[in-house]
Amino acid sequence: AALTTLRQLGVDIVLDDFGTGYSSLSYLRRHAIDKLKIDRSFVRLLDGDGNSAAIVKALIDLAMALGVDVTAEGVETEAQKMLLVAMGCRQLQGYFLSPPLEPVQLLGLSG
C-alpha cells in the first residue's frame, strides 16, 4: 500500500543492488517497480566470469520483458561498458563514467 501511494505521488520505485541481499524475483511479481539496478558484484566479474555475464544478460532481458528500466552499477572499465551495451543495457553507473559528484558539480556537466 505504501509503494502504491508513493507511485501515485510521482515517486519512482527502484530496486537497488538487485541480485543480492533481500532482493528477489518475487519483488518483481508483487510490486510495480520502475527500475532495477544490477548489483556491482555481477558487473565487476563480467569480463572474466561466464556465470556473471549470463546472470547480467538474463536480468537485462527480464527487465526489458517487464517494461522496467535497468541500470548496471559499478562500471569501472571500457570492457564492462562495451559488454553491457552489447547486452542491451542503456543505463550505466560507475567510476568509469564519473566519480560521485556534488549537486552543484552536476550543473557544469553537459550531454
PDB file of N, CA and C in Angstrom:
ATOM      1  N   ALA A   1       0.828  -1.198   0.000  1.00  0.00           N
ATOM      2  CA  ALA A   1       0.000   0.000   0.000  1.00  0.00           C
ATOM      3  C   ALA A   1       0.868   1.256   0.000  1.00  0.00           C
ATOM      4  N   ALA A   2       1.953   1.230   0.762  1.00  0.00           N
ATOM      5  CA  ALA A   2       2.835   2.402   0.838  1.00  0.00           C
ATOM      6  C   ALA A   2       3.488   2.675  -0.516  1.00  0.00           C
ATOM      7  N   LEU A   3       3.927   1.617  -1.205  1.00  0.00           N
ATOM      8  CA  LEU A   3       4.548   1.803  -2.518  1.00  0.00           C
ATOM      9  C   LEU A   3       3.543   2.345  -3.524  1.00  0.00           C
ATOM     10  N   THR A   4       2.321   1.863  -3.463  1.00  0.00           N
ATOM     11  CA  THR A   4       1.275   2.353  -4.364  1.00  0.00           C
ATOM     12  C   THR A   4       1.027   3.832  -4.121  1.00  0.00           C
ATOM     13  N   THR A   5       0.958   4.235  -2.878  1.00  0.00           N
ATOM     14  CA  THR A   5       0.749   5.645  -2.537  1.00  0.00           C
ATOM     15  C   THR A   5       1.902   6.500  -3.045  1.00  0.00           C
ATOM     16  N   LEU A   6       3.116   6.034  -2.856  1.00  0.00           N
ATOM     17  CA  LEU A   6       4.280   6.783  -3.336  1.00  0.00           C
ATOM     18  C   LEU A   6       4.261   6.925  -4.857  1.00  0.00           C
ATOM     19  N   ARG A   7       3.927   5.852  -5.562  1.00  0.00           N
ATOM     20  CA  ARG A   7       3.858   5.917  -7.026  1.00  0.00           C
ATOM     21  C   ARG A   7       2.800   6.912  -7.476  1.00  0.00           C
ATOM     22  N   GLN A   8       1.664   6.949  -6.770  1.00  0.00           N
ATOM     23  CA  GLN A   8       0.602   7.895  -7.106  1.00  0.00           C
ATOM     24  C   GLN A   8       1.055   9.336  -6.906  1.00  0.00           C
ATOM     25  N   LEU A   9       2.028   9.536  -6.025  1.00  0.00           N
ATOM     26  CA  LEU A   9       2.586  10.871  -5.789  1.00  0.00           C
ATOM     27  C   LEU A   9       3.686  11.219  -6.794  1.00  0.00           C
ATOM     28  N   GLY A  10       4.003  10.277  -7.688  1.00  0.00           N
ATOM     29  CA  GLY A  10       5.011  10.530  -8.718  1.00  0.00           C
ATOM     30  C   GLY A  10       6.405  10.040  -8.372  1.00  0.00           C
ATOM     31  N   VAL A  11       6.538   9.278  -7.301  1.00  0.00           N
ATOM     32  CA  VAL A  11       7.832   8.747  -6.891  1.00  0.00           C
ATOM     33  C   VAL A  11       8.107   7.460  -7.661  1.00  0.00           C
ATOM     34  N   ASP A  12       9.290   7.365  -8.276  1.00  0.00           N
ATOM     35  CA  ASP A  12       9.686   6.129  -8.951  1.00  0.00           C
ATOM     36  C   ASP A  12      10.160   5.116  -7.920  1.00  0.00           C
ATOM     37  N   ILE A  13       9.811   3.861  -8.137  1.00  0.00           N
ATOM     38  CA  ILE A  13      10.213   2.781  -7.252  1.00  0.00           C
ATOM     39  C   ILE A  13      11.350   2.013  -7.924  1.00  0.00           C
ATOM     40  N   VAL A  14      12.493   1.962  -7.239  1.00  0.00           N
ATOM     41  CA  VAL A  14      13.696   1.348  -7.795  1.00  0.00           C
ATOM     42  C   VAL A  14      14.182   0.254  -6.853  1.00  0.00           C
ATOM     43  N   LEU A  15      14.473  -0.924  -7.406  1.00  0.00           N
ATOM     44  CA  LEU A  15      15.103  -1.995  -6.638  1.00  0.00           C
ATOM     45  C   LEU A  15      16.610  -1.863  -6.809  1.00  0.00           C
ATOM     46  N   ASP A  16      17.281  -1.448  -5.752  1.00  0.00           N
ATOM     47  CA  ASP A  16      18.726  -1.227  -5.791  1.00  0.00           C
ATOM     48  C   ASP A  16      19.453  -2.522  -5.424  1.00  0.00           C
ATOM     49  N   ASP A  17      20.673  -2.673  -5.923  1.00  0.00           N
ATOM     50  CA  ASP A  17      21.509  -3.846  -5.645  1.00  0.00           C
ATOM     51  C   ASP A  17      20.784  -5.150  -5.970  1.00  0.00           C
ATOM     52  N   PHE A  18      20.043  -5.145  -7.073  1.00  0.00           N
ATOM     53  CA  PHE A  18      19.257  -6.324  -7.426  1.00  0.00           C
ATOM     54  C   PHE A  18      20.170  -7.514  -7.675  1.00  0.00           C
ATOM     55  N   GLY A  19      19.755  -8.653  -7.152  1.00  0.00           N
ATOM     56  CA  GLY A  19      20.514  -9.887  -7.305  1.00  0.00           C
ATOM     57  C   GLY A  19      21.261 -10.278  -6.046  1.00  0.00           C
ATOM     58  N   THR A  20      21.251  -9.408  -5.034  1.00  0.00           N
ATOM     59  CA  THR A  20      21.935  -9.715  -3.776  1.00  0.00           C
ATOM     60  C   THR A  20      21.009  -9.404  -2.600  1.00  0.00           C
ATOM     61  N   GLY A  21      21.409  -9.831  -1.436  1.00  0.00           N
ATOM     62  CA  GLY A  21      20.682  -9.484  -0.215  1.00  0.00           C
ATOM     63  C   GLY A  21      19.242  -9.924  -0.230  1.00  0.00           C
ATOM     64  N   TYR A  22      18.355  -8.984   0.083  1.00  0.00           N
ATOM     65  CA  TYR A  22      16.944  -9.293   0.228  1.00  0.00           C
ATOM     66  C   TYR A  22      16.155  -9.179  -1.079  1.00  0.00           C
ATOM     67  N   SER A  23      16.815  -8.763  -2.150  1.00  0.00           N
ATOM     68  CA  SER A  23      16.082  -8.650  -3.412  1.00  0.00           C
ATOM     69  C   SER A  23      15.789 -10.045  -3.951  1.00  0.00           C
ATOM     70  N   SER A  24      14.644 -10.183  -4.568  1.00  0.00           N
ATOM     71  CA  SER A  24      14.306 -11.470  -5.167  1.00  0.00           C
ATOM     72  C   SER A  24      13.349 -11.253  -6.322  1.00  0.00           C
ATOM     73  N   LEU A  25      13.179 -12.287  -7.124  1.00  0.00           N
ATOM     74  CA  LEU A  25      12.280 -12.198  -8.262  1.00  0.00           C
ATOM     75  C   LEU A  25      10.839 -11.960  -7.828  1.00  0.00           C
ATOM     76  N   SER A  26      10.498 -12.370  -6.629  1.00  0.00           N
ATOM     77  CA  SER A  26       9.122 -12.166  -6.166  1.00  0.00           C
ATOM     78  C   SER A  26       8.786 -10.686  -6.038  1.00  0.00           C
ATOM     79  N   TYR A  27       9.791  -9.836  -5.787  1.00  0.00           N
ATOM     80  CA  TYR A  27       9.538  -8.396  -5.745  1.00  0.00           C
ATOM     81  C   TYR A  27       9.031  -7.890  -7.091  1.00  0.00           C
ATOM     82  N   LEU A  28       9.566  -8.456  -8.165  1.00  0.00           N
ATOM     83  CA  LEU A  28       9.148  -8.028  -9.500  1.00  0.00           C
ATOM     84  C   LEU A  28       7.708  -8.425  -9.787  1.00  0.00           C
ATOM     85  N   ARG A  29       7.284  -9.525  -9.206  1.00  0.00           N
ATOM     86  CA  ARG A  29       5.921 -10.008  -9.415  1.00  0.00           C
ATOM     87  C   ARG A  29       4.927  -9.276  -8.521  1.00  0.00           C
ATOM     88  N   ARG A  30       5.324  -9.016  -7.283  1.00  0.00           N
ATOM     89  CA  ARG A  30       4.396  -8.450  -6.302  1.00  0.00           C
ATOM     90  C   ARG A  30       4.283  -6.929  -6.337  1.00  0.00           C
ATOM     91  N   HIS A  31       5.312  -6.246  -6.794  1.00  0.00           N
ATOM     92  CA  HIS A  31       5.330  -4.790  -6.722  1.00  0.00           C
ATOM     93  C   HIS A  31       5.533  -4.177  -8.098  1.00  0.00           C
ATOM     94  N   ALA A  32       4.835  -3.096  -8.334  1.00  0.00           N
ATOM     95  CA  ALA A  32       5.064  -2.344  -9.570  1.00  0.00           C
ATOM     96  C   ALA A  32       6.314  -1.497  -9.358  1.00  0.00           C
ATOM     97  N   ILE A  33       7.366  -1.814 -10.102  1.00  0.00           N
ATOM     98  CA  ILE A  33       8.600  -1.039  -9.972  1.00  0.00           C
ATOM     99  C   ILE A  33       8.894  -0.343 -11.285  1.00  0.00           C
ATOM    100  N   ASP A  34       9.719   0.686 -11.197  1.00  0.00           N
ATOM    101  CA  ASP A  34      10.084   1.465 -12.376  1.00  0.00           C
ATOM    102  C   ASP A  34      11.473   1.115 -12.894  1.00  0.00           C
ATOM    103  N   LYS A  35      12.344   0.657 -11.992  1.00  0.00           N
ATOM    104  CA  LYS A  35      13.723   0.375 -12.399  1.00  0.00           C
ATOM    105  C   LYS A  35      14.327  -0.645 -11.462  1.00  0.00           C
ATOM    106  N   LEU A  36      15.219  -1.464 -12.018  1.00  0.00           N
ATOM    107  CA  LEU A  36      16.065  -2.279 -11.164  1.00  0.00           C
ATOM    108  C   LEU A  36      17.510  -1.961 -11.484  1.00  0.00           C
ATOM    109  N   LYS A  37      18.315  -1.976 -10.440  1.00  0.00           N
ATOM    110  CA  LYS A  37      19.738  -1.678 -10.574  1.00  0.00           C
ATOM    111  C   LYS A  37      20.510  -2.959 -10.266  1.00  0.00           C
ATOM    112  N   ILE A  38      21.253  -3.421 -11.263  1.00  0.00           N
ATOM    113  CA  ILE A  38      22.029  -4.654 -11.131  1.00  0.00           C
ATOM    114  C   ILE A  38      23.233  -4.386 -10.236  1.00  0.00           C
ATOM    115  N   ASP A  39      23.395  -5.208  -9.219  1.00  0.00           N
ATOM    116  CA  ASP A  39      24.462  -5.019  -8.252  1.00  0.00           C
ATOM    117  C   ASP A  39      25.843  -5.082  -8.899  1.00  0.00           C
ATOM    118  N   ARG A  40      26.719  -4.240  -8.397  1.00  0.00           N
ATOM    119  CA  ARG A  40      28.088  -4.137  -8.925  1.00  0.00           C
ATOM    120  C   ARG A  40      28.871  -5.443  -8.825  1.00  0.00           C
ATOM    121  N   SER A  41      28.508  -6.320  -7.904  1.00  0.00           N
ATOM    122  CA  SER A  41      29.247  -7.585  -7.759  1.00  0.00           C
ATOM    123  C   SER A  41      29.151  -8.427  -9.025  1.00  0.00           C
ATOM    124  N   PHE A  42      28.057  -8.330  -9.759  1.00  0.00           N
ATOM    125  CA  PHE A  42      27.919  -9.043 -11.031  1.00  0.00           C
ATOM    126  C   PHE A  42      28.684  -8.329 -12.138  1.00  0.00           C
ATOM    127  N   VAL A  43      28.613  -6.999 -12.152  1.00  0.00           N
ATOM    128  CA  VAL A  43      29.277  -6.204 -13.197  1.00  0.00           C
ATOM    129  C   VAL A  43      30.788  -6.337 -13.074  1.00  0.00           C
ATOM    130  N   ARG A  44      31.299  -6.358 -11.857  1.00  0.00           N
ATOM    131  CA  ARG A  44      32.746  -6.431 -11.620  1.00  0.00           C
ATOM    132  C   ARG A  44      33.358  -7.672 -12.275  1.00  0.00           C
ATOM    133  N   LEU A  45      32.610  -8.779 -12.326  1.00  0.00           N
ATOM    134  CA  LEU A  45      33.136 -10.035 -12.858  1.00  0.00           C
ATOM    135  C   LEU A  45      32.716 -10.311 -14.298  1.00  0.00           C
ATOM    136  N   LEU A  46      32.068  -9.344 -14.920  1.00  0.00           N
ATOM    137  CA  LEU A  46      31.503  -9.553 -16.260  1.00  0.00           C
ATOM    138  C   LEU A  46      32.478 -10.113 -17.279  1.00  0.00           C
ATOM    139  N   ASP A  47      33.649  -9.499 -17.380  1.00  0.00           N
ATOM    140  CA  ASP A  47      34.562  -9.873 -18.458  1.00  0.00           C
ATOM    141  C   ASP A  47      35.459 -11.058 -18.110  1.00  0.00           C
ATOM    142  N   GLY A  48      35.294 -11.646 -16.913  1.00  0.00           N
ATOM    143  CA  GLY A  48      36.118 -12.786 -16.574  1.00  0.00           C
ATOM    144  C   GLY A  48      35.348 -13.995 -16.089  1.00  0.00           C
ATOM    145  N   ASP A  49      34.040 -13.868 -15.986  1.00  0.00           N
ATOM    146  CA  ASP A  49      33.230 -14.942 -15.421  1.00  0.00           C
ATOM    147  C   ASP A  49      31.973 -15.127 -16.262  1.00  0.00           C
ATOM    148  N   GLY A  50      31.892 -16.238 -16.953  1.00  0.00           N
ATOM    149  CA  GLY A  50      30.735 -16.508 -17.806  1.00  0.00           C
ATOM    150  C   GLY A  50      29.429 -16.572 -17.039  1.00  0.00           C
ATOM    151  N   ASN A  51      29.464 -17.037 -15.790  1.00  0.00           N
ATOM    152  CA  ASN A  51      28.246 -17.094 -14.992  1.00  0.00           C
ATOM    153  C   ASN A  51      27.701 -15.697 -14.696  1.00  0.00           C
ATOM    154  N   SER A  52      28.597 -14.779 -14.324  1.00  0.00           N
ATOM    155  CA  SER A  52      28.155 -13.405 -14.064  1.00  0.00           C
ATOM    156  C   SER A  52      27.586 -12.772 -15.324  1.00  0.00           C
ATOM    157  N   ALA A  53      28.232 -13.009 -16.454  1.00  0.00           N
ATOM    158  CA  ALA A  53      27.737 -12.460 -17.714  1.00  0.00           C
ATOM    159  C   ALA A  53      26.350 -13.014 -18.041  1.00  0.00           C
ATOM    160  N   ALA A  54      26.144 -14.301 -17.807  1.00  0.00           N
ATOM    161  CA  ALA A  54      24.843 -14.913 -18.077  1.00  0.00           C
ATOM    162  C   ALA A  54      23.766 -14.332 -17.151  1.00  0.00           C
ATOM    163  N   ILE A  55      24.105 -14.121 -15.892  1.00  0.00           N
ATOM    164  CA  ILE A  55      23.145 -13.545 -14.950  1.00  0.00           C
ATOM    165  C   ILE A  55      22.792 -12.121 -15.340  1.00  0.00           C
ATOM    166  N   VAL A  56      23.790 -11.328 -15.671  1.00  0.00           N
ATOM    167  CA  VAL A  56      23.542  -9.933 -16.064  1.00  0.00           C
ATOM    168  C   VAL A  56      22.674  -9.880 -17.314  1.00  0.00           C
ATOM    169  N   LYS A  57      22.985 -10.691 -18.304  1.00  0.00           N
ATOM    170  CA  LYS A  57      22.187 -10.718 -19.535  1.00  0.00           C
ATOM    171  C   LYS A  57      20.748 -11.116 -19.228  1.00  0.00           C
ATOM    172  N   ALA A  58      20.569 -12.111 -18.368  1.00  0.00           N
ATOM    173  CA  ALA A  58      19.217 -12.550 -18.008  1.00  0.00           C
ATOM    174  C   ALA A  58      18.458 -11.442 -17.280  1.00  0.00           C
ATOM    175  N   LEU A  59      19.119 -10.707 -16.396  1.00  0.00           N
ATOM    176  CA  LEU A  59      18.463  -9.609 -15.678  1.00  0.00           C
ATOM    177  C   LEU A  59      18.069  -8.479 -16.627  1.00  0.00           C
ATOM    178  N   ILE A  60      18.939  -8.169 -17.570  1.00  0.00           N
ATOM    179  CA  ILE A  60      18.625  -7.134 -18.560  1.00  0.00           C
ATOM    180  C   ILE A  60      17.428  -7.565 -19.401  1.00  0.00           C
ATOM    181  N   ASP A  61      17.448  -8.794 -19.874  1.00  0.00           N
ATOM    182  CA  ASP A  61      16.334  -9.312 -20.682  1.00  0.00           C
ATOM    183  C   ASP A  61      15.038  -9.337 -19.879  1.00  0.00           C
ATOM    184  N   LEU A  62      15.112  -9.741 -18.622  1.00  0.00           N
ATOM    185  CA  LEU A  62      13.934  -9.785 -17.766  1.00  0.00           C
ATOM    186  C   LEU A  62      13.350  -8.391 -17.580  1.00  0.00           C
ATOM    187  N   ALA A  63      14.200  -7.430 -17.288  1.00  0.00           N
ATOM    188  CA  ALA A  63      13.734  -6.055 -17.109  1.00  0.00           C
ATOM    189  C   ALA A  63      13.068  -5.538 -18.386  1.00  0.00           C
ATOM    190  N   MET A  64      13.681  -5.804 -19.526  1.00  0.00           N
ATOM    191  CA  MET A  64      13.098  -5.360 -20.798  1.00  0.00           C
ATOM    192  C   MET A  64      11.741  -6.009 -21.027  1.00  0.00           C
ATOM    193  N   ALA A  65      11.623  -7.301 -20.733  1.00  0.00           N
ATOM    194  CA  ALA A  65      10.358  -8.008 -20.931  1.00  0.00           C
ATOM    195  C   ALA A  65       9.262  -7.461 -20.022  1.00  0.00           C
ATOM    196  N   LEU A  66       9.640  -6.987 -18.843  1.00  0.00           N
ATOM    197  CA  LEU A  66       8.677  -6.428 -17.904  1.00  0.00           C
ATOM    198  C   LEU A  66       8.414  -4.940 -18.130  1.00  0.00           C
ATOM    199  N   GLY A  67       9.150  -4.340 -19.062  1.00  0.00           N
ATOM    200  CA  GLY A  67       8.997  -2.911 -19.325  1.00  0.00           C
ATOM    201  C   GLY A  67       9.569  -2.050 -18.215  1.00  0.00           C
ATOM    202  N   VAL A  68      10.626  -2.547 -17.578  1.00  0.00           N
ATOM    203  CA  VAL A  68      11.251  -1.860 -16.454  1.00  0.00           C
ATOM    204  C   VAL A  68      12.634  -1.377 -16.894  1.00  0.00           C
ATOM    205  N   ASP A  69      12.989  -0.140 -16.528  1.00  0.00           N
ATOM    206  CA  ASP A  69      14.333   0.348 -16.812  1.00  0.00           C
ATOM    207  C   ASP A  69      15.344  -0.463 -16.004  1.00  0.00           C
ATOM    208  N   VAL A  70      16.563  -0.556 -16.517  1.00  0.00           N
ATOM    209  CA  VAL A  70      17.623  -1.280 -15.810  1.00  0.00           C
ATOM    210  C   VAL A  70      18.906  -0.467 -15.866  1.00  0.00           C
ATOM    211  N   THR A  71      19.594  -0.397 -14.724  1.00  0.00           N
ATOM    212  CA  THR A  71      20.878   0.292 -14.622  1.00  0.00           C
ATOM    213  C   THR A  71      21.905  -0.706 -14.103  1.00  0.00           C
ATOM    214  N   ALA A  72      23.071  -0.736 -14.725  1.00  0.00           N
ATOM    215  CA  ALA A  72      24.177  -1.564 -14.239  1.00  0.00           C
ATOM    216  C   ALA A  72      25.073  -0.692 -13.365  1.00  0.00           C
ATOM    217  N   GLU A  73      25.270  -1.110 -12.130  1.00  0.00           N
ATOM    218  CA  GLU A  73      26.102  -0.374 -11.182  1.00  0.00           C
ATOM    219  C   GLU A  73      27.547  -0.856 -11.246  1.00  0.00           C
ATOM    220  N   GLY A  74      28.459   0.020 -10.887  1.00  0.00           N
ATOM    221  CA  GLY A  74      29.849  -0.375 -10.715  1.00  0.00           C
ATOM    222  C   GLY A  74      30.640  -0.557 -11.992  1.00  0.00           C
ATOM    223  N   VAL A  75      30.281   0.155 -13.049  1.00  0.00           N
ATOM    224  CA  VAL A  75      31.028   0.055 -14.314  1.00  0.00           C
ATOM    225  C   VAL A  75      32.368   0.776 -14.131  1.00  0.00           C
ATOM    226  N   GLU A  76      33.461   0.013 -14.247  1.00  0.00           N
ATOM    227  CA  GLU A  76      34.784   0.578 -13.993  1.00  0.00           C
ATOM    228  C   GLU A  76      35.755   0.444 -15.161  1.00  0.00           C
ATOM    229  N   THR A  77      35.359  -0.259 -16.232  1.00  0.00           N
ATOM    230  CA  THR A  77      36.261  -0.439 -17.366  1.00  0.00           C
ATOM    231  C   THR A  77      35.514  -0.273 -18.687  1.00  0.00           C
ATOM    232  N   GLU A  78      36.267   0.007 -19.713  1.00  0.00           N
ATOM    233  CA  GLU A  78      35.704   0.090 -21.065  1.00  0.00           C
ATOM    234  C   GLU A  78      35.120  -1.259 -21.474  1.00  0.00           C
ATOM    235  N   ALA A  79      35.797  -2.356 -21.103  1.00  0.00           N
ATOM    236  CA  ALA A  79      35.313  -3.689 -21.460  1.00  0.00           C
ATOM    237  C   ALA A  79      33.942  -3.954 -20.846  1.00  0.00           C
ATOM    238  N   GLN A  80      33.761  -3.589 -19.579  1.00  0.00           N
ATOM    239  CA  GLN A  80      32.460  -3.758 -18.931  1.00  0.00           C
ATOM    240  C   GLN A  80      31.396  -2.933 -19.646  1.00  0.00           C
ATOM    241  N   LYS A  81      31.744  -1.706 -19.956  1.00  0.00           N
ATOM    242  CA  LYS A  81      30.805  -0.824 -20.659  1.00  0.00           C
ATOM    243  C   LYS A  81      30.379  -1.440 -21.983  1.00  0.00           C
ATOM    244  N   MET A  82      31.333  -1.904 -22.755  1.00  0.00           N
ATOM    245  CA  MET A  82      31.035  -2.466 -24.077  1.00  0.00           C
ATOM    246  C   MET A  82      30.176  -3.730 -23.959  1.00  0.00           C
ATOM    247  N   LEU A  83      30.484  -4.594 -23.011  1.00  0.00           N
ATOM    248  CA  LEU A  83      29.687  -5.810 -22.813  1.00  0.00           C
ATOM    249  C   LEU A  83      28.254  -5.469 -22.425  1.00  0.00           C
ATOM    250  N   LEU A  84      28.086  -4.523 -21.510  1.00  0.00           N
ATOM    251  CA  LEU A  84      26.737  -4.141 -21.064  1.00  0.00           C
ATOM    252  C   LEU A  84      25.925  -3.531 -22.193  1.00  0.00           C
ATOM    253  N   VAL A  85      26.551  -2.670 -22.973  1.00  0.00           N
ATOM    254  CA  VAL A  85      25.856  -2.064 -24.111  1.00  0.00           C
ATOM    255  C   VAL A  85      25.464  -3.142 -25.115  1.00  0.00           C
ATOM    256  N   ALA A  86      26.368  -4.096 -25.368  1.00  0.00           N
ATOM    257  CA  ALA A  86      26.062  -5.190 -26.293  1.00  0.00           C
ATOM    258  C   ALA A  86      24.910  -6.056 -25.776  1.00  0.00           C
ATOM    259  N   MET A  87      24.757  -6.141 -24.459  1.00  0.00           N
ATOM    260  CA  MET A  87      23.667  -6.909 -23.856  1.00  0.00           C
ATOM    261  C   MET A  87      22.344  -6.149 -23.857  1.00  0.00           C
ATOM    262  N   GLY A  88      22.395  -4.868 -24.238  1.00  0.00           N
ATOM    263  CA  GLY A  88      21.171  -4.081 -24.297  1.00  0.00           C
ATOM    264  C   GLY A  88      20.948  -3.143 -23.132  1.00  0.00           C
ATOM    265  N   CYS A  89      21.920  -3.052 -22.226  1.00  0.00           N
ATOM    266  CA  CYS A  89      21.795  -2.144 -21.077  1.00  0.00           C
ATOM    267  C   CYS A  89      22.153  -0.728 -21.533  1.00  0.00           C
ATOM    268  N   ARG A  90      21.240   0.200 -21.310  1.00  0.00           N
ATOM    269  CA  ARG A  90      21.437   1.579 -21.782  1.00  0.00           C
ATOM    270  C   ARG A  90      21.716   2.566 -20.659  1.00  0.00           C
ATOM    271  N   GLN A  91      21.612   2.112 -19.411  1.00  0.00           N
ATOM    272  CA  GLN A  91      21.887   2.989 -18.272  1.00  0.00           C
ATOM    273  C   GLN A  91      23.018   2.377 -17.457  1.00  0.00           C
ATOM    274  N   LEU A  92      24.114   3.099 -17.377  1.00  0.00           N
ATOM    275  CA  LEU A  92      25.307   2.623 -16.684  1.00  0.00           C
ATOM    276  C   LEU A  92      25.683   3.612 -15.597  1.00  0.00           C
ATOM    277  N   GLN A  93      26.282   3.088 -14.538  1.00  0.00           N
ATOM    278  CA  GLN A  93      26.697   3.912 -13.417  1.00  0.00           C
ATOM    279  C   GLN A  93      28.020   3.374 -12.917  1.00  0.00           C
ATOM    280  N   GLY A  94      28.978   4.252 -12.660  1.00  0.00           N
ATOM    281  CA  GLY A  94      30.244   3.795 -12.098  1.00  0.00           C
ATOM    282  C   GLY A  94      31.369   4.764 -12.355  1.00  0.00           C
ATOM    283  N   TYR A  95      32.499   4.495 -11.719  1.00  0.00           N
ATOM    284  CA  TYR A  95      33.660   5.381 -11.795  1.00  0.00           C
ATOM    285  C   TYR A  95      34.202   5.525 -13.203  1.00  0.00           C
ATOM    286  N   PHE A  96      33.989   4.540 -14.071  1.00  0.00           N
ATOM    287  CA  PHE A  96      34.466   4.677 -15.452  1.00  0.00           C
ATOM    288  C   PHE A  96      33.810   5.881 -16.117  1.00  0.00           C
ATOM    289  N   LEU A  97      32.559   6.136 -15.761  1.00  0.00           N
ATOM    290  CA  LEU A  97      31.813   7.237 -16.352  1.00  0.00           C
ATOM    291  C   LEU A  97      32.017   8.535 -15.584  1.00  0.00           C
ATOM    292  N   SER A  98      32.049   8.452 -14.254  1.00  0.00           N
ATOM    293  CA  SER A  98      32.248   9.641 -13.420  1.00  0.00           C
ATOM    294  C   SER A  98      32.338   9.232 -11.965  1.00  0.00           C
ATOM    295  N   PRO A  99      33.188   9.913 -11.202  1.00  0.00           N
ATOM    296  CA  PRO A  99      33.143   9.690  -9.756  1.00  0.00           C
ATOM    297  C   PRO A  99      31.872  10.340  -9.207  1.00  0.00           C
ATOM    298  N   PRO A 100      31.506  10.024  -7.960  1.00  0.00           N
ATOM    299  CA  PRO A 100      30.340  10.701  -7.374  1.00  0.00           C
ATOM    300  C   PRO A 100      30.540  12.210  -7.381  1.00  0.00           C
ATOM    301  N   LEU A 101      29.477  12.943  -7.649  1.00  0.00           N
ATOM    302  CA  LEU A 101      29.540  14.393  -7.740  1.00  0.00           C
ATOM    303  C   LEU A 101      28.554  15.043  -6.772  1.00  0.00           C
ATOM    304  N   GLU A 102      28.916  16.205  -6.314  1.00  0.00           N
ATOM    305  CA  GLU A 102      28.002  17.029  -5.527  1.00  0.00           C
ATOM    306  C   GLU A 102      26.977  17.633  -6.489  1.00  0.00           C
ATOM    307  N   PRO A 103      25.771  17.934  -6.018  1.00  0.00           N
ATOM    308  CA  PRO A 103      24.742  18.506  -6.900  1.00  0.00           C
ATOM    309  C   PRO A 103      25.224  19.742  -7.674  1.00  0.00           C
ATOM    310  N   VAL A 104      25.981  20.609  -7.053  1.00  0.00           N
ATOM    311  CA  VAL A 104      26.444  21.812  -7.739  1.00  0.00           C
ATOM    312  C   VAL A 104      27.376  21.474  -8.909  1.00  0.00           C
ATOM    313  N   GLN A 105      28.127  20.362  -8.783  1.00  0.00           N
ATOM    314  CA  GLN A 105      29.020  19.932  -9.857  1.00  0.00           C
ATOM    315  C   GLN A 105      28.252  19.445 -11.071  1.00  0.00           C
ATOM    316  N   LEU A 106      27.055  18.913 -10.864  1.00  0.00           N
ATOM    317  CA  LEU A 106      26.250  18.415 -11.973  1.00  0.00           C
ATOM    318  C   LEU A 106      25.811  19.536 -12.892  1.00  0.00           C
ATOM    319  N   LEU A 107      25.674  20.731 -12.367  1.00  0.00           N
ATOM    320  CA  LEU A 107      25.249  21.865 -13.173  1.00  0.00           C
ATOM    321  C   LEU A 107      26.245  22.167 -14.286  1.00  0.00           C
ATOM    322  N   GLY A 108      27.523  21.847 -14.085  1.00  0.00           N
ATOM    323  CA  GLY A 108      28.533  22.131 -15.086  1.00  0.00           C
ATOM    324  C   GLY A 108      28.684  21.062 -16.139  1.00  0.00           C
ATOM    325  N   LEU A 109      27.971  19.950 -16.009  1.00  0.00           N
ATOM    326  CA  LEU A 109      28.068  18.869 -16.985  1.00  0.00           C
ATOM    327  C   LEU A 109      27.150  19.136 -18.161  1.00  0.00           C
ATOM    328  N   SER A 110      27.598  18.711 -19.318  1.00  0.00           N
ATOM    329  CA  SER A 110      26.738  18.794 -20.494  1.00  0.00           C
ATOM    330  C   SER A 110      26.751  17.440 -21.181  1.00  0.00           C
ATOM    331  N   GLY A 111      25.634  17.126 -21.848  1.00  0.00           N
ATOM    332  CA  GLY A 111      25.500  15.843 -22.522  1.00  0.00           C
ATOM    333  C   GLY A 111      26.323  15.810 -23.708  1.00  0.00           C
TER     334      GLY A 111
END
